[in-house]
Amino acid sequence: MSWISRLRTGLAGIDPETLNAYRSAIPSTINVNVHQKADTFIATIVSVDNEKLPKEILLVTEAPSEQALVRKVNDLIFTYKNIPESYRPYYSQILRPEGAVSRTENLKLVKAA
């Protein structure tokens, strides 16, 4: 049974209205500074929905590959927006890069439809 079927029948223990509410909490765009140091990519989120983050908030993550970095940035946003772990699999990599991670120092991730 697919996750959509489980959700519709209530087997997943996830409320569809709550799932939709959390989806709306995920930003439409985030801007990230990316640096590669040896074989590690380091990402710092600098703005969410074109709003610069306050100085007291520091959102940083690292990963060994471009794909892993996108997953980790998504997870970092889920944590920042207080989305419970049980809901996160439904938004797997909802924020996707507009370009290649390794070819830029500034990266924009946008919400998938």
N, C-alpha and C. Protein backbone atom coordinates (compact mmCIF):
# COMPACT_ATOMS: atom_id res chain seq x y z
N MET A 1 0.86 -1.18 0.00
CA MET A 1 0.00 0.00 0.00
C MET A 1 0.90 1.24 0.00
N SER A 2 0.62 2.17 -0.90
CA SER A 2 1.43 3.38 -1.00
C SER A 2 1.19 4.28 0.20
N TRP A 3 2.10 5.24 0.41
CA TRP A 3 1.93 6.17 1.54
C TRP A 3 0.69 7.02 1.36
N ILE A 4 0.31 7.29 0.11
CA ILE A 4 -0.91 8.08 -0.13
C ILE A 4 -2.13 7.28 0.30
N SER A 5 -2.15 6.00 -0.04
CA SER A 5 -3.27 5.15 0.37
C SER A 5 -3.34 5.02 1.88
N ARG A 6 -2.18 4.84 2.52
CA ARG A 6 -2.14 4.75 3.98
C ARG A 6 -2.64 6.04 4.62
N LEU A 7 -2.25 7.15 4.03
CA LEU A 7 -2.69 8.45 4.55
C LEU A 7 -4.21 8.59 4.43
N ARG A 8 -4.73 8.22 3.28
CA ARG A 8 -6.18 8.34 3.06
C ARG A 8 -6.98 7.45 4.01
N THR A 9 -6.43 6.27 4.32
CA THR A 9 -7.16 5.35 5.21
C THR A 9 -6.82 5.58 6.67
N GLY A 10 -5.90 6.49 6.93
CA GLY A 10 -5.55 6.80 8.32
C GLY A 10 -4.57 5.83 8.94
N LEU A 11 -4.01 4.90 8.15
CA LEU A 11 -3.10 3.90 8.70
C LEU A 11 -1.75 4.48 9.09
N ALA A 12 -1.40 5.60 8.53
CA ALA A 12 -0.10 6.19 8.82
C ALA A 12 -0.10 6.98 10.12
N GLY A 13 -1.28 7.23 10.69
CA GLY A 13 -1.35 8.03 11.91
C GLY A 13 -1.10 9.50 11.65
N ILE A 14 -1.24 9.90 10.41
CA ILE A 14 -0.99 11.29 10.01
C ILE A 14 -2.31 11.92 9.60
N ASP A 15 -2.60 13.06 10.15
CA ASP A 15 -3.81 13.79 9.81
C ASP A 15 -3.57 14.58 8.52
N PRO A 16 -4.38 14.35 7.47
CA PRO A 16 -4.18 15.05 6.21
C PRO A 16 -4.22 16.58 6.33
N GLU A 17 -5.09 17.11 7.18
CA GLU A 17 -5.16 18.56 7.35
C GLU A 17 -3.90 19.11 8.00
N THR A 18 -3.39 18.38 8.98
CA THR A 18 -2.14 18.79 9.63
C THR A 18 -0.98 18.70 8.64
N LEU A 19 -0.97 17.65 7.83
CA LEU A 19 0.06 17.47 6.81
C LEU A 19 0.07 18.67 5.86
N ASN A 20 -1.11 19.09 5.44
CA ASN A 20 -1.23 20.25 4.56
C ASN A 20 -0.77 21.53 5.25
N ALA A 21 -1.10 21.68 6.53
CA ALA A 21 -0.70 22.87 7.28
C ALA A 21 0.82 22.95 7.39
N TYR A 22 1.45 21.82 7.68
CA TYR A 22 2.92 21.83 7.76
C TYR A 22 3.54 22.12 6.40
N ARG A 23 2.92 21.62 5.32
CA ARG A 23 3.46 21.89 3.98
C ARG A 23 3.46 23.40 3.71
N SER A 24 2.41 24.07 4.17
CA SER A 24 2.35 25.52 3.95
C SER A 24 3.39 26.27 4.78
N ALA A 25 3.91 25.65 5.84
CA ALA A 25 4.95 26.28 6.67
C ALA A 25 6.32 26.22 6.01
N ILE A 26 6.47 25.31 5.05
CA ILE A 26 7.76 25.18 4.35
C ILE A 26 7.91 26.36 3.41
N PRO A 27 9.05 27.04 3.47
CA PRO A 27 9.22 28.24 2.63
C PRO A 27 9.22 27.90 1.14
N SER A 28 8.86 28.89 0.34
CA SER A 28 8.87 28.72 -1.12
C SER A 28 10.28 28.74 -1.67
N THR A 29 11.13 29.57 -1.07
CA THR A 29 12.53 29.65 -1.51
C THR A 29 13.44 29.85 -0.31
N ILE A 30 14.63 29.33 -0.46
CA ILE A 30 15.69 29.64 0.51
C ILE A 30 16.96 29.93 -0.28
N ASN A 31 17.78 30.79 0.25
CA ASN A 31 19.07 31.10 -0.37
C ASN A 31 20.17 30.58 0.54
N VAL A 32 21.11 29.90 -0.09
CA VAL A 32 22.15 29.19 0.65
C VAL A 32 23.51 29.56 0.09
N ASN A 33 24.47 29.81 0.98
CA ASN A 33 25.87 29.94 0.57
C ASN A 33 26.49 28.56 0.71
N VAL A 34 27.15 28.11 -0.35
CA VAL A 34 27.77 26.79 -0.36
C VAL A 34 29.27 26.94 -0.57
N HIS A 35 30.02 26.23 0.25
CA HIS A 35 31.48 26.19 0.12
C HIS A 35 31.91 24.74 0.14
N GLN A 36 32.89 24.42 -0.69
CA GLN A 36 33.43 23.07 -0.68
C GLN A 36 34.82 23.11 -0.08
N LYS A 37 35.02 22.28 0.94
CA LYS A 37 36.30 22.19 1.61
C LYS A 37 36.73 20.74 1.52
N ALA A 38 37.76 20.48 0.71
CA ALA A 38 38.21 19.11 0.42
C ALA A 38 37.02 18.34 -0.15
N ASP A 39 36.59 17.27 0.51
CA ASP A 39 35.48 16.48 -0.01
C ASP A 39 34.19 16.71 0.77
N THR A 40 34.04 17.89 1.38
CA THR A 40 32.85 18.21 2.15
C THR A 40 32.22 19.50 1.64
N PHE A 41 30.91 19.46 1.45
CA PHE A 41 30.15 20.65 1.11
C PHE A 41 29.57 21.23 2.39
N ILE A 42 29.71 22.54 2.56
CA ILE A 42 29.18 23.23 3.74
C ILE A 42 28.16 24.25 3.25
N ALA A 43 26.96 24.22 3.84
CA ALA A 43 25.88 25.12 3.43
C ALA A 43 25.45 25.98 4.61
N THR A 44 25.30 27.28 4.34
CA THR A 44 24.77 28.21 5.32
C THR A 44 23.54 28.87 4.71
N ILE A 45 22.40 28.73 5.38
CA ILE A 45 21.18 29.36 4.89
C ILE A 45 21.22 30.83 5.27
N VAL A 46 21.09 31.70 4.26
CA VAL A 46 21.17 33.14 4.51
C VAL A 46 19.83 33.84 4.47
N SER A 47 18.86 33.27 3.72
CA SER A 47 17.53 33.88 3.71
C SER A 47 16.46 32.82 3.45
N VAL A 48 15.29 33.10 3.97
CA VAL A 48 14.12 32.23 3.82
C VAL A 48 13.00 33.09 3.26
N ASP A 49 12.46 32.67 2.12
CA ASP A 49 11.43 33.46 1.43
C ASP A 49 11.87 34.92 1.25
N ASN A 50 13.12 35.07 0.83
CA ASN A 50 13.73 36.37 0.54
C ASN A 50 13.85 37.29 1.76
N GLU A 51 13.70 36.73 2.95
CA GLU A 51 13.90 37.47 4.20
C GLU A 51 15.22 37.01 4.81
N LYS A 52 16.14 37.95 4.99
CA LYS A 52 17.41 37.61 5.61
C LYS A 52 17.19 37.09 7.03
N LEU A 53 17.92 36.05 7.39
CA LEU A 53 17.79 35.52 8.75
C LEU A 53 18.39 36.50 9.76
N PRO A 54 17.78 36.62 10.93
CA PRO A 54 18.35 37.48 11.98
C PRO A 54 19.75 36.98 12.37
N LYS A 55 20.58 37.87 12.83
CA LYS A 55 21.97 37.52 13.18
C LYS A 55 22.05 36.44 14.25
N GLU A 56 21.03 36.36 15.12
CA GLU A 56 21.07 35.37 16.20
C GLU A 56 20.70 33.96 15.74
N ILE A 57 20.27 33.82 14.48
CA ILE A 57 19.92 32.50 13.95
C ILE A 57 21.00 32.09 12.95
N LEU A 58 21.61 30.94 13.20
CA LEU A 58 22.64 30.40 12.33
C LEU A 58 22.23 29.01 11.89
N LEU A 59 21.97 28.84 10.60
CA LEU A 59 21.56 27.55 10.05
C LEU A 59 22.66 27.05 9.13
N VAL A 60 23.41 26.05 9.59
CA VAL A 60 24.55 25.51 8.86
C VAL A 60 24.48 23.99 8.88
N THR A 61 24.86 23.39 7.77
CA THR A 61 24.97 21.93 7.70
C THR A 61 26.08 21.56 6.74
N GLU A 62 26.48 20.30 6.77
CA GLU A 62 27.53 19.84 5.86
C GLU A 62 27.21 18.43 5.39
N ALA A 63 27.80 18.06 4.24
CA ALA A 63 27.57 16.74 3.68
C ALA A 63 28.71 16.38 2.74
N PRO A 64 28.90 15.08 2.48
CA PRO A 64 29.99 14.66 1.60
C PRO A 64 29.68 14.75 0.11
N SER A 65 28.41 14.95 -0.25
CA SER A 65 28.05 15.02 -1.67
C SER A 65 26.97 16.08 -1.89
N GLU A 66 26.77 16.42 -3.16
CA GLU A 66 25.76 17.41 -3.52
C GLU A 66 24.36 16.92 -3.13
N GLN A 67 24.05 15.67 -3.44
CA GLN A 67 22.73 15.12 -3.12
C GLN A 67 22.50 15.09 -1.62
N ALA A 68 23.50 14.67 -0.88
CA ALA A 68 23.36 14.62 0.58
C ALA A 68 23.19 16.02 1.15
N LEU A 69 23.84 17.01 0.55
CA LEU A 69 23.72 18.37 1.03
C LEU A 69 22.29 18.88 0.85
N VAL A 70 21.68 18.59 -0.28
CA VAL A 70 20.29 19.02 -0.50
C VAL A 70 19.37 18.36 0.53
N ARG A 71 19.58 17.07 0.80
CA ARG A 71 18.78 16.38 1.83
C ARG A 71 18.96 17.03 3.20
N LYS A 72 20.21 17.36 3.53
CA LYS A 72 20.50 17.95 4.84
C LYS A 72 19.93 19.37 4.96
N VAL A 73 19.97 20.13 3.87
CA VAL A 73 19.39 21.48 3.90
C VAL A 73 17.88 21.38 4.10
N ASN A 74 17.25 20.43 3.42
CA ASN A 74 15.81 20.21 3.64
C ASN A 74 15.54 19.88 5.10
N ASP A 75 16.31 18.98 5.67
CA ASP A 75 16.12 18.59 7.06
C ASP A 75 16.34 19.78 8.00
N LEU A 76 17.32 20.60 7.68
CA LEU A 76 17.59 21.79 8.49
C LEU A 76 16.39 22.74 8.48
N ILE A 77 15.78 22.92 7.32
CA ILE A 77 14.58 23.76 7.23
C ILE A 77 13.42 23.15 8.01
N PHE A 78 13.27 21.83 7.92
CA PHE A 78 12.21 21.16 8.68
C PHE A 78 12.40 21.40 10.18
N THR A 79 13.63 21.34 10.64
CA THR A 79 13.92 21.59 12.05
C THR A 79 13.63 23.05 12.40
N TYR A 80 14.09 23.96 11.56
CA TYR A 80 13.88 25.39 11.78
C TYR A 80 12.39 25.73 11.85
N LYS A 81 11.58 25.07 11.03
CA LYS A 81 10.14 25.33 10.99
C LYS A 81 9.34 24.42 11.94
N ASN A 82 10.05 23.66 12.77
CA ASN A 82 9.42 22.79 13.78
C ASN A 82 8.45 21.77 13.19
N ILE A 83 8.82 21.17 12.08
CA ILE A 83 7.99 20.13 11.48
C ILE A 83 8.37 18.80 12.13
N PRO A 84 7.40 18.11 12.73
CA PRO A 84 7.69 16.86 13.44
C PRO A 84 8.31 15.80 12.53
N GLU A 85 9.16 14.97 13.11
CA GLU A 85 9.83 13.89 12.37
C GLU A 85 8.83 13.01 11.62
N SER A 86 7.69 12.74 12.23
CA SER A 86 6.72 11.82 11.61
C SER A 86 6.12 12.38 10.32
N TYR A 87 6.18 13.69 10.12
CA TYR A 87 5.63 14.30 8.91
C TYR A 87 6.69 14.51 7.83
N ARG A 88 7.93 14.50 8.19
CA ARG A 88 9.01 14.84 7.24
C ARG A 88 9.10 13.91 6.03
N PRO A 89 8.87 12.60 6.17
CA PRO A 89 8.97 11.75 4.98
C PRO A 89 8.01 12.14 3.85
N TYR A 90 6.92 12.80 4.19
CA TYR A 90 5.95 13.21 3.17
C TYR A 90 6.44 14.40 2.35
N TYR A 91 7.50 15.06 2.81
CA TYR A 91 8.04 16.22 2.11
C TYR A 91 9.46 15.96 1.60
N SER A 92 9.82 14.73 1.43
CA SER A 92 11.18 14.36 1.03
C SER A 92 11.70 15.27 -0.08
N GLN A 93 12.73 15.99 0.23
CA GLN A 93 13.39 16.92 -0.70
C GLN A 93 12.41 17.83 -1.43
N ILE A 94 11.53 18.44 -0.67
CA ILE A 94 10.56 19.37 -1.25
C ILE A 94 11.25 20.62 -1.77
N LEU A 95 12.38 20.99 -1.16
CA LEU A 95 13.16 22.13 -1.63
C LEU A 95 14.27 21.59 -2.54
N ARG A 96 14.26 22.05 -3.78
CA ARG A 96 15.22 21.54 -4.76
C ARG A 96 16.05 22.68 -5.34
N PRO A 97 17.31 22.39 -5.67
CA PRO A 97 18.18 23.45 -6.21
C PRO A 97 17.77 23.90 -7.60
N GLU A 98 17.99 25.18 -7.86
CA GLU A 98 17.74 25.74 -9.19
C GLU A 98 18.94 25.54 -10.11
N GLY A 99 20.06 25.14 -9.57
CA GLY A 99 21.26 24.92 -10.38
C GLY A 99 22.11 23.84 -9.75
N ALA A 100 23.28 23.62 -10.32
CA ALA A 100 24.19 22.62 -9.78
C ALA A 100 24.82 23.14 -8.50
N VAL A 101 24.86 22.30 -7.50
CA VAL A 101 25.41 22.69 -6.21
C VAL A 101 26.89 22.99 -6.32
N SER A 102 27.64 22.18 -7.04
CA SER A 102 29.10 22.32 -7.08
C SER A 102 29.57 23.49 -7.94
N ARG A 103 28.69 24.07 -8.73
CA ARG A 103 29.11 25.14 -9.64
C ARG A 103 28.82 26.53 -9.12
N THR A 104 28.36 26.63 -7.91
CA THR A 104 27.99 27.95 -7.41
C THR A 104 28.30 28.09 -5.94
N GLU A 105 28.54 29.29 -5.51
CA GLU A 105 28.70 29.55 -4.09
C GLU A 105 27.38 29.99 -3.49
N ASN A 106 26.50 30.56 -4.32
CA ASN A 106 25.17 30.97 -3.87
C ASN A 106 24.16 30.09 -4.57
N LEU A 107 23.33 29.45 -3.80
CA LEU A 107 22.38 28.49 -4.33
C LEU A 107 20.99 28.85 -3.86
N LYS A 108 20.03 28.72 -4.76
CA LYS A 108 18.64 28.96 -4.40
C LYS A 108 17.90 27.63 -4.49
N LEU A 109 17.18 27.30 -3.42
CA LEU A 109 16.33 26.11 -3.44
C LEU A 109 14.89 26.57 -3.45
N VAL A 110 14.07 25.93 -4.29
CA VAL A 110 12.68 26.31 -4.42
C VAL A 110 11.78 25.14 -4.07
N LYS A 111 10.59 25.46 -3.59
CA LYS A 111 9.63 24.43 -3.20
C LYS A 111 9.07 23.76 -4.45
N ALA A 112 9.09 22.43 -4.44
CA ALA A 112 8.52 21.66 -5.54
C ALA A 112 7.00 21.74 -5.45
N ALA A 113 6.37 21.66 -6.60
CA ALA A 113 4.90 21.73 -6.65
C ALA A 113 4.25 20.52 -6.02
